[in-house]
Structure formats: structure tokens, C-alpha cells
Amino acid sequence: MDLNLNPIETLEGELLILKINYKKFGINRIELPIAKENYTLSLTWDNRLDIFHLTIHTGYGFENAVPDKYYKLLSFINEHISLGHFEISSEENEIRYRHSLKDISQLCYDKKNFLIKASIERTLIEMGLYYDVFEKLSSGEKTALEVFKEVFPSFKSTVQ
């Protein structure tokens, strides 16, 4: 069994069987639209560095400078998530969620497949937990801390 099999090829085969729509960009990247949530999951394999990247593009972008309240909000969120992180991309000024798996080419096919699927599931869970926060903050009526406390009432912070 070839341990260095491109995980994108494996996923693509499963997506075809399940009849899930996706876009392919070269041999190392596919994107899946998450229609009901209006964001995109991008899966990228970097065989040179042996890293599998999972990125969710939220669609929340900024034409000009990013308001400080978004950086505060992302800081609050990143303190509470178990996997990956939210960031504002320097290229597109867009809020996105990222997680990476390193050194997966050394795993057997089944373990690699399980790890990738579990990471995709966890990535979608993390995004689902916090997507409403971005929706509420974009309305412009409340601060990042107010929005975060509204969505997560048990949250305690000394930061204002």
C-alpha cells in the first residue's frame, strides 16, 4: 500500500461516490460549499511539507481596514476552541478558520483516512459553534465582548 497517496485523491473518490458537489483546483486542493451556512471548506495537501490543511472561508471580508472589534472577538474565540484557530487572512481580509494535520503520510491508509474525516467533522463543528457570533457582530450594534457573552452566557472575562 502506498502510504504517500495524496489524501485529496482519496477524499475525491469518496465525494464522487456520495455525490457531493465540490470544486477541484489542481491535484492538491478541493473546495466544498457548505450551502446552508454560506461558507466554503477548502482542503489542501502539501506533500512537500507533509501537511494537510483544512480552511473554512466564512465569506466575512472587509474592503478596507478590519475593525478592531473583530480582532477582539477572534481572540475571545481562540481562547475557547479545542482545535485550530480563527484568523483574518492577510490576502483577502476575510475571517477564516484553519487547522492543519502534520506528518500524516506516515500513517497507514485507514488511520490517515480516519484522522482526516474526524478533523473535517471537528472543523465543521467548531465553525458551527461560532458562525452566529460573526453574524451578530456584523450587525454593528454591539461590542465583541457583548456579542460573545450573548452567544455564550457562561463566558467570564476580565477584558472589556
N, C-alpha and C. Protein backbone atom coordinates (compact mmCIF):
# COMPACT_ATOMS: atom_id res chain seq x y z
N MET A 1 0.84 -1.19 0.00
CA MET A 1 0.00 0.00 0.00
C MET A 1 0.88 1.25 0.00
N ASP A 2 0.57 2.19 -0.83
CA ASP A 2 1.34 3.44 -0.92
C ASP A 2 0.91 4.40 0.18
N LEU A 3 1.78 4.59 1.17
CA LEU A 3 1.47 5.49 2.28
C LEU A 3 1.46 6.94 1.85
N ASN A 4 2.11 7.26 0.75
CA ASN A 4 2.21 8.66 0.32
C ASN A 4 1.08 9.06 -0.62
N LEU A 5 0.04 8.25 -0.69
CA LEU A 5 -1.10 8.58 -1.53
C LEU A 5 -1.66 9.94 -1.14
N ASN A 6 -1.93 10.74 -2.13
CA ASN A 6 -2.47 12.07 -1.90
C ASN A 6 -3.85 11.94 -1.25
N PRO A 7 -4.03 12.51 -0.04
CA PRO A 7 -5.32 12.38 0.64
C PRO A 7 -6.46 13.06 -0.12
N ILE A 8 -6.13 14.03 -0.96
CA ILE A 8 -7.17 14.70 -1.77
C ILE A 8 -7.77 13.69 -2.75
N GLU A 9 -6.93 12.84 -3.33
CA GLU A 9 -7.44 11.82 -4.26
C GLU A 9 -8.38 10.86 -3.55
N THR A 10 -8.04 10.47 -2.33
CA THR A 10 -8.89 9.58 -1.55
C THR A 10 -10.23 10.24 -1.26
N LEU A 11 -10.18 11.49 -0.79
CA LEU A 11 -11.41 12.21 -0.49
C LEU A 11 -12.26 12.42 -1.74
N GLU A 12 -11.60 12.73 -2.83
CA GLU A 12 -12.33 12.96 -4.08
C GLU A 12 -13.11 11.71 -4.49
N GLY A 13 -12.49 10.56 -4.33
CA GLY A 13 -13.19 9.31 -4.65
C GLY A 13 -14.43 9.13 -3.79
N GLU A 14 -14.33 9.43 -2.52
CA GLU A 14 -15.48 9.29 -1.63
C GLU A 14 -16.56 10.32 -1.94
N LEU A 15 -16.15 11.55 -2.28
CA LEU A 15 -17.12 12.58 -2.63
C LEU A 15 -17.91 12.20 -3.88
N LEU A 16 -17.22 11.59 -4.84
CA LEU A 16 -17.90 11.14 -6.06
C LEU A 16 -18.93 10.05 -5.74
N ILE A 17 -18.54 9.10 -4.89
CA ILE A 17 -19.45 8.02 -4.51
C ILE A 17 -20.67 8.58 -3.79
N LEU A 18 -20.44 9.55 -2.90
CA LEU A 18 -21.53 10.14 -2.12
C LEU A 18 -22.31 11.21 -2.88
N LYS A 19 -21.84 11.53 -4.11
CA LYS A 19 -22.47 12.54 -4.95
C LYS A 19 -22.53 13.91 -4.27
N ILE A 20 -21.40 14.28 -3.66
CA ILE A 20 -21.27 15.59 -3.00
C ILE A 20 -20.56 16.53 -3.97
N ASN A 21 -21.14 17.70 -4.19
CA ASN A 21 -20.54 18.68 -5.10
C ASN A 21 -19.27 19.27 -4.50
N TYR A 22 -18.27 19.47 -5.35
CA TYR A 22 -17.01 20.09 -4.94
C TYR A 22 -16.34 20.67 -6.17
N LYS A 23 -15.35 21.52 -5.92
CA LYS A 23 -14.52 22.06 -7.00
C LYS A 23 -13.10 21.61 -6.75
N LYS A 24 -12.41 21.26 -7.81
CA LYS A 24 -11.03 20.82 -7.68
C LYS A 24 -10.10 21.86 -8.29
N PHE A 25 -9.02 22.15 -7.59
CA PHE A 25 -8.01 23.12 -8.02
C PHE A 25 -6.68 22.39 -8.06
N GLY A 26 -6.28 21.95 -9.23
CA GLY A 26 -5.05 21.16 -9.34
C GLY A 26 -5.24 19.79 -8.68
N ILE A 27 -4.13 19.15 -8.35
CA ILE A 27 -4.23 17.81 -7.74
C ILE A 27 -4.22 17.87 -6.21
N ASN A 28 -3.97 19.04 -5.64
CA ASN A 28 -3.78 19.11 -4.19
C ASN A 28 -4.83 19.93 -3.43
N ARG A 29 -5.91 20.34 -4.08
CA ARG A 29 -6.90 21.15 -3.36
C ARG A 29 -8.30 20.94 -3.90
N ILE A 30 -9.24 20.78 -2.97
CA ILE A 30 -10.65 20.76 -3.32
C ILE A 30 -11.40 21.68 -2.38
N GLU A 31 -12.54 22.20 -2.85
CA GLU A 31 -13.39 23.05 -2.04
C GLU A 31 -14.81 22.51 -2.07
N LEU A 32 -15.42 22.51 -0.89
CA LEU A 32 -16.80 22.05 -0.76
C LEU A 32 -17.64 23.21 -0.24
N PRO A 33 -18.65 23.61 -1.00
CA PRO A 33 -19.55 24.65 -0.49
C PRO A 33 -20.44 24.07 0.60
N ILE A 34 -20.53 24.77 1.71
CA ILE A 34 -21.43 24.38 2.79
C ILE A 34 -22.65 25.28 2.63
N ALA A 35 -23.57 24.85 1.78
CA ALA A 35 -24.65 25.70 1.27
C ALA A 35 -25.52 26.32 2.34
N LYS A 36 -25.97 25.53 3.31
CA LYS A 36 -26.91 26.09 4.27
C LYS A 36 -26.27 27.14 5.17
N GLU A 37 -24.94 27.14 5.26
CA GLU A 37 -24.25 28.09 6.12
C GLU A 37 -23.56 29.21 5.34
N ASN A 38 -23.49 29.09 4.02
CA ASN A 38 -22.88 30.13 3.19
C ASN A 38 -21.38 30.28 3.42
N TYR A 39 -20.68 29.19 3.66
CA TYR A 39 -19.22 29.24 3.70
C TYR A 39 -18.64 28.06 2.94
N THR A 40 -17.33 28.05 2.75
CA THR A 40 -16.67 27.05 1.94
C THR A 40 -15.58 26.35 2.74
N LEU A 41 -15.53 25.04 2.64
CA LEU A 41 -14.46 24.25 3.25
C LEU A 41 -13.43 23.94 2.18
N SER A 42 -12.20 24.37 2.41
CA SER A 42 -11.11 24.13 1.48
C SER A 42 -10.15 23.11 2.10
N LEU A 43 -9.83 22.06 1.35
CA LEU A 43 -8.92 21.01 1.80
C LEU A 43 -7.71 21.01 0.88
N THR A 44 -6.54 21.17 1.47
CA THR A 44 -5.32 21.31 0.67
C THR A 44 -4.24 20.37 1.21
N TRP A 45 -3.59 19.68 0.31
CA TRP A 45 -2.49 18.77 0.66
C TRP A 45 -1.18 19.37 0.19
N ASP A 46 -0.23 19.53 1.10
CA ASP A 46 1.12 19.99 0.75
C ASP A 46 2.07 18.82 0.98
N ASN A 47 2.32 18.05 -0.08
CA ASN A 47 3.16 16.85 0.06
C ASN A 47 4.61 17.19 0.36
N ARG A 48 5.05 18.36 -0.03
CA ARG A 48 6.42 18.78 0.23
C ARG A 48 6.69 18.87 1.73
N LEU A 49 5.73 19.44 2.47
CA LEU A 49 5.86 19.61 3.92
C LEU A 49 5.09 18.55 4.71
N ASP A 50 4.37 17.68 4.01
CA ASP A 50 3.55 16.64 4.63
C ASP A 50 2.53 17.25 5.59
N ILE A 51 1.76 18.22 5.06
CA ILE A 51 0.74 18.90 5.86
C ILE A 51 -0.58 18.89 5.08
N PHE A 52 -1.64 18.57 5.79
CA PHE A 52 -3.00 18.61 5.24
C PHE A 52 -3.70 19.79 5.91
N HIS A 53 -4.10 20.79 5.12
CA HIS A 53 -4.74 22.00 5.65
C HIS A 53 -6.25 21.92 5.47
N LEU A 54 -6.96 22.32 6.51
CA LEU A 54 -8.42 22.47 6.46
C LEU A 54 -8.69 23.94 6.71
N THR A 55 -9.36 24.60 5.79
CA THR A 55 -9.65 26.03 5.92
C THR A 55 -11.11 26.27 5.59
N ILE A 56 -11.78 27.03 6.46
CA ILE A 56 -13.14 27.45 6.15
C ILE A 56 -13.11 28.94 5.84
N HIS A 57 -13.58 29.26 4.64
CA HIS A 57 -13.71 30.66 4.23
C HIS A 57 -15.13 31.08 4.60
N THR A 58 -15.24 32.04 5.50
CA THR A 58 -16.55 32.40 6.07
C THR A 58 -17.38 33.31 5.19
N GLY A 59 -16.74 34.00 4.28
CA GLY A 59 -17.47 34.98 3.48
C GLY A 59 -17.53 36.35 4.15
N TYR A 60 -17.02 36.44 5.38
CA TYR A 60 -16.96 37.74 6.06
C TYR A 60 -15.64 38.40 5.73
N GLY A 61 -15.68 39.32 4.77
CA GLY A 61 -14.49 40.02 4.34
C GLY A 61 -14.65 41.51 4.54
N PHE A 62 -13.54 42.21 4.42
CA PHE A 62 -13.51 43.65 4.64
C PHE A 62 -12.78 44.30 3.48
N GLU A 63 -13.41 45.31 2.89
CA GLU A 63 -12.78 46.02 1.78
C GLU A 63 -11.66 46.92 2.26
N ASN A 64 -11.84 47.50 3.44
CA ASN A 64 -10.84 48.42 3.99
C ASN A 64 -10.22 47.79 5.23
N ALA A 65 -9.76 48.62 6.13
CA ALA A 65 -9.16 48.13 7.36
C ALA A 65 -10.18 47.33 8.18
N VAL A 66 -9.71 46.28 8.81
CA VAL A 66 -10.57 45.44 9.63
C VAL A 66 -10.83 46.14 10.96
N PRO A 67 -12.10 46.29 11.35
CA PRO A 67 -12.39 46.92 12.64
C PRO A 67 -11.79 46.13 13.81
N ASP A 68 -11.28 46.84 14.81
CA ASP A 68 -10.65 46.21 15.97
C ASP A 68 -11.55 45.21 16.67
N LYS A 69 -12.86 45.45 16.66
CA LYS A 69 -13.77 44.56 17.38
C LYS A 69 -13.69 43.12 16.86
N TYR A 70 -13.33 42.94 15.58
CA TYR A 70 -13.22 41.59 15.04
C TYR A 70 -11.97 40.89 15.58
N TYR A 71 -10.88 41.63 15.71
CA TYR A 71 -9.67 41.03 16.30
C TYR A 71 -9.93 40.62 17.74
N LYS A 72 -10.67 41.46 18.49
CA LYS A 72 -11.02 41.11 19.88
C LYS A 72 -11.88 39.86 19.91
N LEU A 73 -12.86 39.81 19.04
CA LEU A 73 -13.75 38.66 19.00
C LEU A 73 -12.98 37.38 18.70
N LEU A 74 -12.10 37.43 17.71
CA LEU A 74 -11.32 36.25 17.35
C LEU A 74 -10.43 35.81 18.51
N SER A 75 -9.91 36.78 19.25
CA SER A 75 -9.10 36.46 20.42
C SER A 75 -9.93 35.73 21.47
N PHE A 76 -11.14 36.22 21.75
CA PHE A 76 -12.04 35.55 22.69
C PHE A 76 -12.32 34.12 22.24
N ILE A 77 -12.64 33.97 20.97
CA ILE A 77 -12.98 32.64 20.45
C ILE A 77 -11.79 31.70 20.52
N ASN A 78 -10.62 32.15 20.07
CA ASN A 78 -9.45 31.28 20.02
C ASN A 78 -9.04 30.78 21.40
N GLU A 79 -9.38 31.53 22.45
CA GLU A 79 -9.09 31.07 23.81
C GLU A 79 -9.97 29.88 24.21
N HIS A 80 -11.06 29.66 23.49
CA HIS A 80 -12.02 28.65 23.91
C HIS A 80 -12.20 27.48 22.95
N ILE A 81 -11.48 27.45 21.86
CA ILE A 81 -11.67 26.33 20.94
C ILE A 81 -10.61 25.26 21.18
N SER A 82 -10.97 24.04 20.86
CA SER A 82 -10.09 22.91 21.14
C SER A 82 -9.19 22.54 19.97
N LEU A 83 -9.52 23.01 18.80
CA LEU A 83 -8.78 22.59 17.62
C LEU A 83 -8.75 23.73 16.60
N GLY A 84 -7.60 24.04 16.07
CA GLY A 84 -7.50 25.08 15.05
C GLY A 84 -7.61 26.48 15.63
N HIS A 85 -7.81 27.44 14.74
CA HIS A 85 -7.93 28.84 15.16
C HIS A 85 -8.64 29.65 14.09
N PHE A 86 -9.21 30.77 14.52
CA PHE A 86 -9.78 31.74 13.60
C PHE A 86 -8.76 32.83 13.37
N GLU A 87 -8.77 33.38 12.16
CA GLU A 87 -7.83 34.45 11.81
C GLU A 87 -8.46 35.33 10.75
N ILE A 88 -7.81 36.43 10.49
CA ILE A 88 -8.19 37.28 9.35
C ILE A 88 -7.06 37.17 8.35
N SER A 89 -7.37 36.64 7.18
CA SER A 89 -6.33 36.40 6.19
C SER A 89 -5.74 37.71 5.70
N SER A 90 -4.45 37.71 5.53
CA SER A 90 -3.78 38.92 5.05
C SER A 90 -4.04 39.16 3.57
N GLU A 91 -4.30 38.08 2.81
CA GLU A 91 -4.52 38.22 1.37
C GLU A 91 -5.90 38.78 1.05
N GLU A 92 -6.93 38.25 1.71
CA GLU A 92 -8.30 38.60 1.34
C GLU A 92 -9.04 39.41 2.38
N ASN A 93 -8.39 39.70 3.52
CA ASN A 93 -9.07 40.42 4.61
C ASN A 93 -10.37 39.72 4.99
N GLU A 94 -10.32 38.40 5.06
CA GLU A 94 -11.52 37.59 5.32
C GLU A 94 -11.31 36.80 6.60
N ILE A 95 -12.39 36.67 7.39
CA ILE A 95 -12.33 35.79 8.56
C ILE A 95 -12.36 34.36 8.07
N ARG A 96 -11.43 33.56 8.57
CA ARG A 96 -11.42 32.15 8.20
C ARG A 96 -10.98 31.31 9.40
N TYR A 97 -11.30 30.04 9.33
CA TYR A 97 -10.91 29.08 10.36
C TYR A 97 -9.89 28.15 9.74
N ARG A 98 -8.81 27.85 10.48
CA ARG A 98 -7.77 26.98 9.93
C ARG A 98 -7.35 25.92 10.93
N HIS A 99 -7.05 24.78 10.39
CA HIS A 99 -6.49 23.67 11.17
C HIS A 99 -5.60 22.88 10.22
N SER A 100 -4.52 22.33 10.73
CA SER A 100 -3.61 21.55 9.89
C SER A 100 -3.24 20.23 10.57
N LEU A 101 -3.01 19.23 9.75
CA LEU A 101 -2.53 17.94 10.22
C LEU A 101 -1.13 17.74 9.65
N LYS A 102 -0.18 17.47 10.51
CA LYS A 102 1.23 17.33 10.09
C LYS A 102 1.63 15.86 10.14
N ASP A 103 2.52 15.49 9.23
CA ASP A 103 3.13 14.15 9.20
C ASP A 103 2.12 13.01 9.05
N ILE A 104 1.09 13.22 8.25
CA ILE A 104 0.09 12.15 8.11
C ILE A 104 0.48 11.11 7.06
N SER A 105 1.49 11.40 6.25
CA SER A 105 1.84 10.44 5.20
C SER A 105 2.42 9.16 5.78
N GLN A 106 2.89 9.20 7.01
CA GLN A 106 3.48 8.02 7.64
C GLN A 106 2.43 7.08 8.21
N LEU A 107 1.17 7.53 8.26
CA LEU A 107 0.10 6.69 8.79
C LEU A 107 -0.39 5.72 7.74
N CYS A 108 -0.90 4.58 8.17
CA CYS A 108 -1.50 3.65 7.23
C CYS A 108 -2.77 4.28 6.66
N TYR A 109 -3.25 3.74 5.57
CA TYR A 109 -4.39 4.31 4.86
C TYR A 109 -5.60 4.51 5.77
N ASP A 110 -5.96 3.49 6.55
CA ASP A 110 -7.15 3.58 7.39
C ASP A 110 -7.02 4.65 8.46
N LYS A 111 -5.86 4.72 9.12
CA LYS A 111 -5.66 5.73 10.16
C LYS A 111 -5.64 7.14 9.57
N LYS A 112 -5.00 7.29 8.41
CA LYS A 112 -4.96 8.59 7.74
C LYS A 112 -6.37 9.03 7.37
N ASN A 113 -7.12 8.12 6.79
CA ASN A 113 -8.49 8.41 6.38
C ASN A 113 -9.35 8.79 7.59
N PHE A 114 -9.23 8.04 8.69
CA PHE A 114 -10.00 8.32 9.90
C PHE A 114 -9.63 9.69 10.46
N LEU A 115 -8.34 10.01 10.53
CA LEU A 115 -7.88 11.28 11.08
C LEU A 115 -8.38 12.46 10.25
N ILE A 116 -8.33 12.34 8.95
CA ILE A 116 -8.80 13.41 8.07
C ILE A 116 -10.30 13.61 8.23
N LYS A 117 -11.05 12.52 8.22
CA LYS A 117 -12.52 12.63 8.36
C LYS A 117 -12.89 13.22 9.72
N ALA A 118 -12.22 12.78 10.78
CA ALA A 118 -12.50 13.31 12.12
C ALA A 118 -12.15 14.79 12.19
N SER A 119 -11.08 15.19 11.53
CA SER A 119 -10.68 16.60 11.53
C SER A 119 -11.66 17.45 10.74
N ILE A 120 -12.16 16.94 9.63
CA ILE A 120 -13.18 17.67 8.86
C ILE A 120 -14.43 17.84 9.72
N GLU A 121 -14.84 16.78 10.38
CA GLU A 121 -16.03 16.86 11.24
C GLU A 121 -15.83 17.88 12.36
N ARG A 122 -14.67 17.84 13.02
CA ARG A 122 -14.40 18.78 14.12
C ARG A 122 -14.32 20.21 13.61
N THR A 123 -13.74 20.41 12.44
CA THR A 123 -13.65 21.73 11.84
C THR A 123 -15.05 22.30 11.60
N LEU A 124 -15.94 21.48 11.07
CA LEU A 124 -17.31 21.93 10.82
C LEU A 124 -18.06 22.21 12.13
N ILE A 125 -17.77 21.42 13.15
CA ILE A 125 -18.39 21.66 14.46
C ILE A 125 -17.92 22.99 15.03
N GLU A 126 -16.61 23.24 15.01
CA GLU A 126 -16.08 24.50 15.54
C GLU A 126 -16.67 25.69 14.80
N MET A 127 -16.75 25.58 13.48
CA MET A 127 -17.30 26.68 12.70
C MET A 127 -18.77 26.88 13.03
N GLY A 128 -19.50 25.80 13.17
CA GLY A 128 -20.91 25.90 13.51
C GLY A 128 -21.15 26.54 14.86
N LEU A 129 -20.25 26.31 15.80
CA LEU A 129 -20.39 26.90 17.13
C LEU A 129 -20.26 28.42 17.11
N TYR A 130 -19.43 28.94 16.22
CA TYR A 130 -19.08 30.36 16.27
C TYR A 130 -19.62 31.20 15.14
N TYR A 131 -20.24 30.59 14.15
CA TYR A 131 -20.71 31.35 12.99
C TYR A 131 -21.72 32.42 13.38
N ASP A 132 -22.61 32.12 14.32
CA ASP A 132 -23.61 33.09 14.78
C ASP A 132 -22.97 34.34 15.39
N VAL A 133 -21.81 34.14 16.00
CA VAL A 133 -21.11 35.28 16.61
C VAL A 133 -20.75 36.31 15.54
N PHE A 134 -20.26 35.84 14.40
CA PHE A 134 -19.91 36.75 13.31
C PHE A 134 -21.15 37.45 12.76
N GLU A 135 -22.23 36.68 12.63
CA GLU A 135 -23.50 37.26 12.17
C GLU A 135 -23.93 38.41 13.07
N LYS A 136 -23.90 38.17 14.38
CA LYS A 136 -24.36 39.19 15.33
C LYS A 136 -23.44 40.39 15.37
N LEU A 137 -22.13 40.17 15.29
CA LEU A 137 -21.19 41.29 15.33
C LEU A 137 -21.29 42.15 14.08
N SER A 138 -21.56 41.51 12.94
CA SER A 138 -21.62 42.28 11.69
C SER A 138 -22.79 43.26 11.66
N SER A 139 -23.78 43.05 12.53
CA SER A 139 -24.91 44.00 12.59
C SER A 139 -24.45 45.37 13.10
N GLY A 140 -23.31 45.40 13.82
CA GLY A 140 -22.72 46.66 14.25
C GLY A 140 -23.31 47.28 15.50
N GLU A 141 -24.26 46.61 16.13
CA GLU A 141 -24.94 47.20 17.28
C GLU A 141 -24.24 46.94 18.61
N LYS A 142 -23.36 45.94 18.68
CA LYS A 142 -22.76 45.56 19.96
C LYS A 142 -21.25 45.39 19.82
N THR A 143 -20.58 45.42 20.98
CA THR A 143 -19.14 45.17 21.01
C THR A 143 -18.88 43.68 20.89
N ALA A 144 -17.62 43.32 20.64
CA ALA A 144 -17.25 41.91 20.54
C ALA A 144 -17.56 41.18 21.84
N LEU A 145 -17.25 41.78 22.97
CA LEU A 145 -17.49 41.14 24.25
C LEU A 145 -18.99 40.96 24.50
N GLU A 146 -19.79 41.93 24.16
CA GLU A 146 -21.24 41.83 24.33
C GLU A 146 -21.81 40.69 23.47
N VAL A 147 -21.36 40.60 22.25
CA VAL A 147 -21.83 39.55 21.35
C VAL A 147 -21.40 38.18 21.88
N PHE A 148 -20.15 38.08 22.29
CA PHE A 148 -19.64 36.80 22.77
C PHE A 148 -20.40 36.35 24.02
N LYS A 149 -20.66 37.27 24.95
CA LYS A 149 -21.41 36.94 26.17
C LYS A 149 -22.86 36.56 25.86
N GLU A 150 -23.43 37.18 24.84
CA GLU A 150 -24.80 36.86 24.45
C GLU A 150 -24.90 35.44 23.90
N VAL A 151 -23.96 35.07 23.08
CA VAL A 151 -23.97 33.74 22.47
C VAL A 151 -23.52 32.67 23.48
N PHE A 152 -22.59 33.05 24.35
CA PHE A 152 -22.06 32.13 25.37
C PHE A 152 -22.22 32.73 26.74
N PRO A 153 -23.41 32.61 27.34
CA PRO A 153 -23.72 33.29 28.61
C PRO A 153 -22.80 32.92 29.77
N SER A 154 -22.21 31.73 29.77
CA SER A 154 -21.35 31.32 30.88
C SER A 154 -19.94 31.90 30.77
N PHE A 155 -19.65 32.60 29.68
CA PHE A 155 -18.31 33.16 29.46
C PHE A 155 -17.98 34.22 30.50
N LYS A 156 -16.81 34.12 31.10
CA LYS A 156 -16.32 35.11 32.07
C LYS A 156 -15.01 35.69 31.54
N SER A 157 -14.88 37.01 31.60
CA SER A 157 -13.66 37.65 31.15
C SER A 157 -13.42 38.92 31.95
N THR A 158 -12.15 39.23 32.18
CA THR A 158 -11.80 40.49 32.83
C THR A 158 -11.52 41.56 31.79
N VAL A 159 -11.46 41.14 30.52
CA VAL A 159 -11.20 42.07 29.43
C VAL A 159 -12.49 42.79 29.05
N GLN A 160 -12.43 44.08 28.82
CA GLN A 160 -13.62 44.83 28.38
C GLN A 160 -13.42 45.24 26.99
